[in-house]
Every structure is written in C-alpha cells, then in structure tokens.
C-alpha cells in the first residue's frame, strides 16, 4: 500500500470538523464547551487547524468571534484571501442549524484524531521491531509508552506551540480564580508543610530522605493516606522493604491511634477494638494499592502503574532497593539511572511520585546532625532529578541511650521536616509532631489554633 493510499484511508470526518467550526461561528460562547476536548492538531486538514487556532486566540483575548473578525485574522496571517475566506466561513456556518450538538461534533473529531495517532504509532512500532536495533526490553517499553500516551490523550512525539500550552494555562487560571480552593496537584495533608510546598504537582518527583528509624516510611504513608482520603484518587504503594501486611499494620496504628506494639504483639485492649474497626472501614474505602515485590525495576513499576485507573499518587519505599534492570557495575550510576527514570515516569503519568531515600552516615560525624543534600547516598543525580527534597530530623533520635533511660519516656516529641530543595518555591524548615507509638506525624497545635488542619 502506498503512502498516498494510506493517507486517503486515514480515519477522518471533514463534516464533523466543519460542524465544530461552524458551531463556534454561529455561537462563539460554545467554545467553552469544547476547549478541554479539542486541540489544534486534532483537526485533519491544515486549513481547519488554522481556523481553530485563530478562534482559540480570539477567545483567549476575549475578542468576539464572527465571520468578519475571523476572516480578517486569517487574511492577516496569510491563510486566506478575503473573498475565499468569507465564502468558506458562510458555507460552514450554514452547515449547522444550531450549536447544541457541538460536544458531539468535537468528540467525533477527537476520536478520529486518536485513531490516526494509533495508526502512526503502530507503523513506528512495526519499523522498530523489524529493525532489531537496541535492547528488546527498550523496544517493548517504548511501544507500551506510545500506546499509553495515546490512551491518556497525550501525543508526545510532536512539538506543541506555546499557543496551545498557554491556552491550557489560561483555563487553569480561570478555574483557580473562580474557585480559590481548587488545586491542580496533591496536598500532603499537613497544613504547615503545605504552606511551603503549596502542592505536589503532576509530574513531580518528591524525595523523602532520612537515616534508618527516623520515620520516613511512616511520614510517606501518612501523606499517602491523606491523599487517598482527600482526592478520592488511586494511590499506588511499592514497598521493597516491608511486606504489605507490615505496612498496613502501621497504617492501622496511625489511623486508629492504637499502639503499634499492641498490634504486633496482640495485646489489644477492649476499648481499642472499636478504633481499629473504624480505621479498618475508612482505609478499606480508600483506593490504595500495595505491591511488595522485592527487587522492583522501573520498567515493572511503570507497567503496573499504567493499569491503575484514576491514579493520583505513587509512593516507593525505598529508592536504593530498586533495580535498573540492566547490568551496571557502578552502583552510583545505576541509582542515578533509576532516579532519572522515576522522574520521567512521574512526568509521563502526570502524577507526583514520593520516593524514600536512604542517607549516608556523613551527618552523624558532624556536630550539627541535620541532614543536607550532600548526604543523599549513592548518587548526586538523585538531588538533580528531584523536584522536591524533604529531610526528616528528630533530636530525640540522637539522644544517648543513658539519657533516655534516666528520663520518663514520652510517646510524642517534635520532628522537623527540612525542605532542602523546592523547584517550585521556597525552602525552609517545618516543625511537626511525631507520635512514635502510633507511627504518626501530625500538625502542631499552634497551626490548629490558627484555623488550619
């Protein structure tokens, strides 16, 4: 089959494209209804792409869209001469009696565009497979990524003009202005920390670093549960260190506020059973998925995440236990490759990924033991790839054992979340409460008195 024959048989509905444009001409306000459905590249003919782009630009500048202003814009851009422009605009405006069905027309245009992208992707995959160049796993992963991009309505192969991107930004700003509580990312659920971060944005790689036993798994799981409750989206948890049962045991302790030792030993008081039942019901209602596969690779992780619908957040515990899936003798290079792929995965999926990371012992030899970015173990590229780096620090952790034995043991103390890197805003330190017996971090009382939670 020749290229010419293939192009002629590409899925397309010229009538639907004309009907979309005609509907906007006879009722300019109808552009609102399809702004989130269609992009310029969804139109098959170059002529229709130019007309839609001109309509979108006029919409963004709050200009009235009619045949006169539209033709004038297209003539200025050199797309039409005046006579031909008026003739075509009148023709497509006459095609539709009303704009009531514009969403249906737009859906047809959009679906045809997806089918064309699918055909193009399959052709490219076909050529890659026959070429036999590169590792098979890389070819398969690239093929799966192309299919995923199409399924998520993202065409990652072509450039996007700033007009298209700024249109999306403009619509987001309108939504934020109308609903000031609306956010496009995910909150941690800790008010003091959220004031610094504002949100974990789609595509962000968030690293939580700490020494062993500092509470990084508990901290990340507290965020995961908070996000699952508040967003009603799916949260995926990859636990490379603990079993799913151990992880859920901690979650139950945090949510029910029942001593974690009691849950492990079975010494549960009668009054705690009601708390456990309530927490069990709440957690069961959350869309949380747990995978405790050891030696997980980024390729496996990405493949599993693609199968989760309505994904909102990913949590990995922890980075240094992951494998690259390739034979790399230098561990620092391997960890660096893993962190880069995690960042790309977050971007591809459009969700935040929270990844715990182990710190080196360097801070323990310093007088001031608070961690720094240079303490990240195995690779400096971890710091480079992350959008946000959070360190956990507790003075109590470094107290001499003798000092602890001489003092009355307390169930809670103060923790510090150090925002060491924040690509989207400020850095600093946030004081938080740590209730060790419940493996739970919490917002301090002074924040609650200010009316935040």
Foldseek 3Di string as FASTA:
>chain_A
DDPVVVLVPQQDDVLLLLLLLLQCQVPVVCCVVCLVLDDLLLHDDPLSSVLVLLSLVCVLVVHRDHQVVSLVVCVVVVNDDNVVSSVSNVVSNVSDPHNPCSVVSSVSSNVSSLSNLVVVLVVVLVVCVVVPPDDPLVSVLVSVLSVLCSVVVHDPPDDDDVSSVVSVVSVVVVVCVVPVVDDQAFAQQFVQVCVFQVHQFQLAEEEEEEAPPLQSLLSVVSSQLSRQVPVVFEEEEEAQDDDPVLSVLLQLLQQLVFFSVCSVVVVDDPVSVVSSVVSVVSVVSGNYHYHHDFQAALSNVLVVVSPGPRHAEYEYEAQLRHFNPDDDPQSLVGSLVRLQSVSVSSNSVRHYYYHYFYFACVLVPDPRNFDALVRGPSYNSNVVSGQWYKYKDDPVVPDDPVVCVVDDDDQKDKMKIWGRHHNVGDTGIDIWMARPRSSHIHHDPVVVVVVDD
